[in-house]
Amino acid sequence: MKKIETVFDKSALTLDKGAQAVKDVVTAIRNARRAGTASTKSKGEVAGSNKKPWKQKGTGNARAGFRQSPVWRGGGVAHGPHPRSFAQKVNKKVVALAFARAVSDRLAEGDVIVVDKFEFEAPKTRLMAKFLKELGVDRTAVIVQRDVDETVFLTMRNLPGIDYSTAGSLDVYTVLANRKLVCDKDGFDALMARITK
């Protein structure tokens, strides 16, 4: 395993457009990850009788019709949250543009590291930690391959701040959330093919 120079056509990078697309796609991804399980009971859902607590007039108290009123302690919640989906629709072309812009920015900043291949004698975390340290990866990073390699995945999964993805399933949020992209040669080629098609 050794680091190799990244050779690509700089004119193929998308650096002059797509900033808004990146923002929209990241917002959509983060919203889709929200549970949307917050739930409250309205006045019609709170348990209780429909009996009037006291008569309308003559007591000196404010008039009251039922104990489930939102203004009472133990009553319902007015306009409270209910289970819902926060998912947003984003067009495929917008997603493709956002991904191309995000990866292009990483390439332009020199944050993409390419190695010839990932090869470990055993799935040991210390081997990956040592290898990444040699590459100068001291913060967050995502390891990118063309296809899933079980040995590589097992080697990195216990490292904090290190993510794993195939070139085809990598998304904009993962690219932006990690400081470095560490690819093998096949993974890098697949990544470039995806942003230039």
C-alpha atoms as a PDB file:
ATOM      1  CA  MET A   1       0.000   0.000   0.000  1.00  0.00           C
ATOM      2  CA  LYS A   2       1.389   3.347  -1.004  1.00  0.00           C
ATOM      3  CA  LYS A   3       0.134   6.817  -1.800  1.00  0.00           C
ATOM      4  CA  ILE A   4      -0.039   7.711  -5.490  1.00  0.00           C
ATOM      5  CA  GLU A   5      -0.509  11.006  -7.287  1.00  0.00           C
ATOM      6  CA  THR A   6      -4.053  11.921  -8.278  1.00  0.00           C
ATOM      7  CA  VAL A   7      -4.266  12.476 -12.018  1.00  0.00           C
ATOM      8  CA  PHE A   8      -7.480  14.003 -13.297  1.00  0.00           C
ATOM      9  CA  ASP A   9      -8.737  16.590 -15.760  1.00  0.00           C
ATOM     10  CA  LYS A  10      -9.168  19.811 -13.764  1.00  0.00           C
ATOM     11  CA  SER A  11     -11.551  21.150 -16.396  1.00  0.00           C
ATOM     12  CA  ALA A  12     -13.956  18.348 -15.395  1.00  0.00           C
ATOM     13  CA  LEU A  13     -14.367  19.789 -11.889  1.00  0.00           C
ATOM     14  CA  THR A  14     -17.542  21.661 -11.001  1.00  0.00           C
ATOM     15  CA  LEU A  15     -16.416  24.769  -9.117  1.00  0.00           C
ATOM     16  CA  ASP A  16     -18.432  27.578 -10.690  1.00  0.00           C
ATOM     17  CA  LYS A  17     -21.935  26.390  -9.732  1.00  0.00           C
ATOM     18  CA  GLY A  18     -23.810  24.098  -7.390  1.00  0.00           C
ATOM     19  CA  ALA A  19     -23.357  25.875  -4.047  1.00  0.00           C
ATOM     20  CA  GLN A  20     -27.116  26.223  -3.574  1.00  0.00           C
ATOM     21  CA  ALA A  21     -27.637  22.622  -4.665  1.00  0.00           C
ATOM     22  CA  VAL A  22     -25.187  21.472  -1.970  1.00  0.00           C
ATOM     23  CA  LYS A  23     -27.089  23.442   0.664  1.00  0.00           C
ATOM     24  CA  ASP A  24     -30.457  22.047  -0.481  1.00  0.00           C
ATOM     25  CA  VAL A  25     -29.263  18.432  -0.592  1.00  0.00           C
ATOM     26  CA  VAL A  26     -27.548  18.596   2.820  1.00  0.00           C
ATOM     27  CA  THR A  27     -30.722  20.091   4.321  1.00  0.00           C
ATOM     28  CA  ALA A  28     -32.802  17.303   2.753  1.00  0.00           C
ATOM     29  CA  ILE A  29     -30.450  14.576   4.024  1.00  0.00           C
ATOM     30  CA  ARG A  30     -30.417  15.976   7.568  1.00  0.00           C
ATOM     31  CA  ASN A  31     -34.213  16.347   7.578  1.00  0.00           C
ATOM     32  CA  ALA A  32     -34.672  12.777   6.322  1.00  0.00           C
ATOM     33  CA  ARG A  33     -32.652  11.563   9.320  1.00  0.00           C
ATOM     34  CA  ARG A  34     -35.039  13.190  11.791  1.00  0.00           C
ATOM     35  CA  ALA A  35     -37.202  10.699  13.660  1.00  0.00           C
ATOM     36  CA  GLY A  36     -40.387  12.764  13.463  1.00  0.00           C
ATOM     37  CA  THR A  37     -41.852  10.865  16.435  1.00  0.00           C
ATOM     38  CA  ALA A  38     -42.717  13.825  18.694  1.00  0.00           C
ATOM     39  CA  SER A  39     -46.343  13.473  19.729  1.00  0.00           C
ATOM     40  CA  THR A  40     -48.798  15.323  21.960  1.00  0.00           C
ATOM     41  CA  LYS A  41     -52.479  14.886  22.696  1.00  0.00           C
ATOM     42  CA  SER A  42     -55.016  17.465  21.636  1.00  0.00           C
ATOM     43  CA  LYS A  43     -57.989  18.331  23.828  1.00  0.00           C
ATOM     44  CA  GLY A  44     -60.044  15.690  22.004  1.00  0.00           C
ATOM     45  CA  GLU A  45     -57.526  12.943  22.812  1.00  0.00           C
ATOM     46  CA  VAL A  46     -57.001  13.587  26.525  1.00  0.00           C
ATOM     47  CA  ALA A  47     -58.945  11.255  28.824  1.00  0.00           C
ATOM     48  CA  GLY A  48     -61.786  12.881  30.781  1.00  0.00           C
ATOM     49  CA  SER A  49     -65.553  13.340  30.891  1.00  0.00           C
ATOM     50  CA  ASN A  50     -67.576  15.989  29.137  1.00  0.00           C
ATOM     51  CA  LYS A  51     -69.140  17.124  32.398  1.00  0.00           C
ATOM     52  CA  LYS A  52     -68.977  20.853  33.075  1.00  0.00           C
ATOM     53  CA  PRO A  53     -66.629  21.391  36.100  1.00  0.00           C
ATOM     54  CA  TRP A  54     -68.953  23.973  37.663  1.00  0.00           C
ATOM     55  CA  LYS A  55     -72.010  25.916  36.663  1.00  0.00           C
ATOM     56  CA  GLN A  56     -71.700  28.734  34.169  1.00  0.00           C
ATOM     57  CA  LYS A  57     -72.596  31.615  36.465  1.00  0.00           C
ATOM     58  CA  GLY A  58     -72.578  32.603  40.094  1.00  0.00           C
ATOM     59  CA  THR A  59     -69.354  30.997  41.368  1.00  0.00           C
ATOM     60  CA  GLY A  60     -66.967  33.872  40.704  1.00  0.00           C
ATOM     61  CA  ASN A  61     -64.725  31.585  38.665  1.00  0.00           C
ATOM     62  CA  ALA A  62     -64.138  31.916  34.966  1.00  0.00           C
ATOM     63  CA  ARG A  63     -66.544  29.889  32.904  1.00  0.00           C
ATOM     64  CA  ALA A  64     -65.295  26.397  32.043  1.00  0.00           C
ATOM     65  CA  GLY A  65     -66.771  23.732  29.826  1.00  0.00           C
ATOM     66  CA  PHE A  66     -64.459  20.710  30.221  1.00  0.00           C
ATOM     67  CA  ARG A  67     -61.297  19.676  32.091  1.00  0.00           C
ATOM     68  CA  GLN A  68     -59.394  18.730  28.910  1.00  0.00           C
ATOM     69  CA  SER A  69     -59.031  22.410  27.959  1.00  0.00           C
ATOM     70  CA  PRO A  70     -55.469  23.379  26.863  1.00  0.00           C
ATOM     71  CA  VAL A  71     -55.457  26.235  29.401  1.00  0.00           C
ATOM     72  CA  TRP A  72     -55.733  23.769  32.274  1.00  0.00           C
ATOM     73  CA  ARG A  73     -52.955  21.682  33.843  1.00  0.00           C
ATOM     74  CA  GLY A  74     -53.391  18.118  32.608  1.00  0.00           C
ATOM     75  CA  GLY A  75     -55.364  19.263  29.614  1.00  0.00           C
ATOM     76  CA  GLY A  76     -54.578  18.875  25.938  1.00  0.00           C
ATOM     77  CA  VAL A  77     -51.882  20.689  23.968  1.00  0.00           C
ATOM     78  CA  ALA A  78     -52.970  23.319  21.474  1.00  0.00           C
ATOM     79  CA  HIS A  79     -51.270  22.956  18.064  1.00  0.00           C
ATOM     80  CA  GLY A  80     -48.702  20.494  19.468  1.00  0.00           C
ATOM     81  CA  PRO A  81     -46.459  18.215  17.395  1.00  0.00           C
ATOM     82  CA  HIS A  82     -47.691  14.923  15.931  1.00  0.00           C
ATOM     83  CA  PRO A  83     -45.737  12.114  14.207  1.00  0.00           C
ATOM     84  CA  ARG A  84     -44.705  13.208  10.718  1.00  0.00           C
ATOM     85  CA  SER A  85     -42.084  12.716   8.044  1.00  0.00           C
ATOM     86  CA  PHE A  86     -39.551  15.498   7.488  1.00  0.00           C
ATOM     87  CA  ALA A  87     -38.416  14.058   4.143  1.00  0.00           C
ATOM     88  CA  GLN A  88     -37.975  16.534   1.304  1.00  0.00           C
ATOM     89  CA  LYS A  89     -38.029  15.801  -2.413  1.00  0.00           C
ATOM     90  CA  VAL A  90     -34.864  16.753  -4.281  1.00  0.00           C
ATOM     91  CA  ASN A  91     -34.513  16.279  -8.023  1.00  0.00           C
ATOM     92  CA  LYS A  92     -31.905  13.769  -9.247  1.00  0.00           C
ATOM     93  CA  LYS A  93     -30.103  16.424 -11.295  1.00  0.00           C
ATOM     94  CA  VAL A  94     -29.794  18.664  -8.227  1.00  0.00           C
ATOM     95  CA  VAL A  95     -28.352  15.769  -6.202  1.00  0.00           C
ATOM     96  CA  ALA A  96     -25.867  14.984  -8.998  1.00  0.00           C
ATOM     97  CA  LEU A  97     -24.803  18.637  -9.235  1.00  0.00           C
ATOM     98  CA  ALA A  98     -24.397  18.922  -5.459  1.00  0.00           C
ATOM     99  CA  PHE A  99     -22.279  15.768  -5.330  1.00  0.00           C
ATOM    100  CA  ALA A 100     -20.071  16.948  -8.194  1.00  0.00           C
ATOM    101  CA  ARG A 101     -19.548  20.306  -6.477  1.00  0.00           C
ATOM    102  CA  ALA A 102     -18.749  18.754  -3.085  1.00  0.00           C
ATOM    103  CA  VAL A 103     -16.200  16.285  -4.492  1.00  0.00           C
ATOM    104  CA  SER A 104     -14.717  18.953  -6.786  1.00  0.00           C
ATOM    105  CA  ASP A 105     -14.147  21.223  -3.792  1.00  0.00           C
ATOM    106  CA  ARG A 106     -12.376  18.398  -1.955  1.00  0.00           C
ATOM    107  CA  LEU A 107     -10.169  17.732  -4.983  1.00  0.00           C
ATOM    108  CA  ALA A 108      -9.365  21.422  -5.449  1.00  0.00           C
ATOM    109  CA  GLU A 109      -8.400  21.729  -1.775  1.00  0.00           C
ATOM    110  CA  GLY A 110      -6.129  18.686  -1.952  1.00  0.00           C
ATOM    111  CA  ASP A 111      -8.210  16.719   0.543  1.00  0.00           C
ATOM    112  CA  VAL A 112      -8.457  13.568  -1.586  1.00  0.00           C
ATOM    113  CA  ILE A 113      -5.773  10.948  -0.918  1.00  0.00           C
ATOM    114  CA  VAL A 114      -5.368   8.074  -3.371  1.00  0.00           C
ATOM    115  CA  VAL A 115      -3.526   4.837  -2.605  1.00  0.00           C
ATOM    116  CA  ASP A 116      -2.831   1.993  -4.996  1.00  0.00           C
ATOM    117  CA  LYS A 117      -4.874  -0.479  -2.927  1.00  0.00           C
ATOM    118  CA  PHE A 118      -5.875  -1.368   0.620  1.00  0.00           C
ATOM    119  CA  GLU A 119      -4.134  -4.535   1.681  1.00  0.00           C
ATOM    120  CA  PHE A 120      -4.012  -5.784   5.282  1.00  0.00           C
ATOM    121  CA  GLU A 121      -2.675  -9.104   6.492  1.00  0.00           C
ATOM    122  CA  ALA A 122      -5.502  -9.288   9.051  1.00  0.00           C
ATOM    123  CA  PRO A 123      -8.553  -7.176   9.989  1.00  0.00           C
ATOM    124  CA  LYS A 124      -6.788  -5.355  12.829  1.00  0.00           C
ATOM    125  CA  THR A 125      -7.743  -1.816  13.789  1.00  0.00           C
ATOM    126  CA  ARG A 126      -4.164  -0.879  14.703  1.00  0.00           C
ATOM    127  CA  LEU A 127      -3.046  -1.607  11.125  1.00  0.00           C
ATOM    128  CA  MET A 128      -5.528   0.871   9.681  1.00  0.00           C
ATOM    129  CA  ALA A 129      -4.721   3.432  12.393  1.00  0.00           C
ATOM    130  CA  LYS A 130      -1.023   3.175  11.563  1.00  0.00           C
ATOM    131  CA  PHE A 131      -1.673   3.416   7.825  1.00  0.00           C
ATOM    132  CA  LEU A 132      -3.873   6.504   8.155  1.00  0.00           C
ATOM    133  CA  LYS A 133      -1.285   8.152  10.402  1.00  0.00           C
ATOM    134  CA  GLU A 134       1.353   7.572   7.710  1.00  0.00           C
ATOM    135  CA  LEU A 135      -0.969   9.255   5.203  1.00  0.00           C
ATOM    136  CA  GLY A 136      -1.318  12.287   7.478  1.00  0.00           C
ATOM    137  CA  VAL A 137      -4.982  11.691   8.334  1.00  0.00           C
ATOM    138  CA  ASP A 138      -5.341  13.068  11.854  1.00  0.00           C
ATOM    139  CA  ARG A 139      -9.002  14.055  11.800  1.00  0.00           C
ATOM    140  CA  THR A 140     -12.174  12.746  10.187  1.00  0.00           C
ATOM    141  CA  ALA A 141     -11.971  10.810   6.929  1.00  0.00           C
ATOM    142  CA  VAL A 142     -14.065   8.553   4.735  1.00  0.00           C
ATOM    143  CA  ILE A 143     -12.541   5.508   3.054  1.00  0.00           C
ATOM    144  CA  VAL A 144     -13.892   5.042  -0.480  1.00  0.00           C
ATOM    145  CA  GLN A 145     -13.724   1.875  -2.579  1.00  0.00           C
ATOM    146  CA  ARG A 146     -15.463   0.727  -5.741  1.00  0.00           C
ATOM    147  CA  ASP A 147     -16.912  -2.345  -4.011  1.00  0.00           C
ATOM    148  CA  VAL A 148     -17.235  -3.307  -0.351  1.00  0.00           C
ATOM    149  CA  ASP A 149     -14.150  -5.050   0.997  1.00  0.00           C
ATOM    150  CA  GLU A 150     -15.049  -6.875   4.206  1.00  0.00           C
ATOM    151  CA  THR A 151     -11.470  -6.882   5.497  1.00  0.00           C
ATOM    152  CA  VAL A 152     -11.056  -3.133   5.032  1.00  0.00           C
ATOM    153  CA  PHE A 153     -14.432  -2.468   6.639  1.00  0.00           C
ATOM    154  CA  LEU A 154     -13.605  -4.591   9.688  1.00  0.00           C
ATOM    155  CA  THR A 155     -10.221  -2.873   9.949  1.00  0.00           C
ATOM    156  CA  MET A 156     -11.652   0.660  10.146  1.00  0.00           C
ATOM    157  CA  ARG A 157     -15.020   0.285  11.851  1.00  0.00           C
ATOM    158  CA  ASN A 158     -13.700   0.826  15.402  1.00  0.00           C
ATOM    159  CA  LEU A 159     -11.744   3.965  14.549  1.00  0.00           C
ATOM    160  CA  PRO A 160     -13.485   7.144  15.769  1.00  0.00           C
ATOM    161  CA  GLY A 161     -14.041   9.748  13.075  1.00  0.00           C
ATOM    162  CA  ILE A 162     -13.417   7.308  10.210  1.00  0.00           C
ATOM    163  CA  ASP A 163     -16.286   6.473   7.851  1.00  0.00           C
ATOM    164  CA  TYR A 164     -16.598   3.948   5.023  1.00  0.00           C
ATOM    165  CA  SER A 165     -18.460   4.040   1.727  1.00  0.00           C
ATOM    166  CA  THR A 166     -18.446   2.761  -1.814  1.00  0.00           C
ATOM    167  CA  ALA A 167     -18.046   5.295  -4.618  1.00  0.00           C
ATOM    168  CA  GLY A 168     -21.593   4.620  -5.772  1.00  0.00           C
ATOM    169  CA  SER A 169     -23.279   5.140  -2.408  1.00  0.00           C
ATOM    170  CA  LEU A 170     -21.218   8.101  -1.176  1.00  0.00           C
ATOM    171  CA  ASP A 171     -23.437  11.126  -0.543  1.00  0.00           C
ATOM    172  CA  VAL A 172     -22.906  14.876  -0.267  1.00  0.00           C
ATOM    173  CA  TYR A 173     -23.300  14.990   3.521  1.00  0.00           C
ATOM    174  CA  THR A 174     -20.647  12.311   4.083  1.00  0.00           C
ATOM    175  CA  VAL A 175     -18.230  14.135   1.768  1.00  0.00           C
ATOM    176  CA  LEU A 176     -18.681  17.403   3.662  1.00  0.00           C
ATOM    177  CA  ALA A 177     -18.747  15.847   7.146  1.00  0.00           C
ATOM    178  CA  ASN A 178     -15.298  14.278   6.687  1.00  0.00           C
ATOM    179  CA  ARG A 179     -12.113  16.297   6.242  1.00  0.00           C
ATOM    180  CA  LYS A 180     -10.373  13.789   3.962  1.00  0.00           C
ATOM    181  CA  LEU A 181     -11.379  11.286   1.302  1.00  0.00           C
ATOM    182  CA  VAL A 182      -9.056   8.267   1.224  1.00  0.00           C
ATOM    183  CA  CYS A 183      -9.619   6.211  -1.930  1.00  0.00           C
ATOM    184  CA  ASP A 184      -7.940   3.273  -3.555  1.00  0.00           C
ATOM    185  CA  LYS A 185      -7.259   3.541  -7.299  1.00  0.00           C
ATOM    186  CA  ASP A 186     -10.468   1.764  -8.353  1.00  0.00           C
ATOM    187  CA  GLY A 187     -12.553   3.782  -5.905  1.00  0.00           C
ATOM    188  CA  PHE A 188     -11.073   7.062  -7.163  1.00  0.00           C
ATOM    189  CA  ASP A 189     -11.731   6.135 -10.790  1.00  0.00           C
ATOM    190  CA  ALA A 190     -15.348   5.266  -9.932  1.00  0.00           C
ATOM    191  CA  LEU A 191     -15.697   8.556  -8.068  1.00  0.00           C
ATOM    192  CA  MET A 192     -14.370  10.576 -11.015  1.00  0.00           C
ATOM    193  CA  ALA A 193     -16.629   8.705 -13.414  1.00  0.00           C
ATOM    194  CA  ARG A 194     -19.595   9.605 -11.238  1.00  0.00           C
ATOM    195  CA  ILE A 195     -18.880  13.360 -11.130  1.00  0.00           C
ATOM    196  CA  THR A 196     -17.977  13.695 -14.816  1.00  0.00           C
ATOM    197  CA  LYS A 197     -20.788  11.738 -16.440  1.00  0.00           C
END
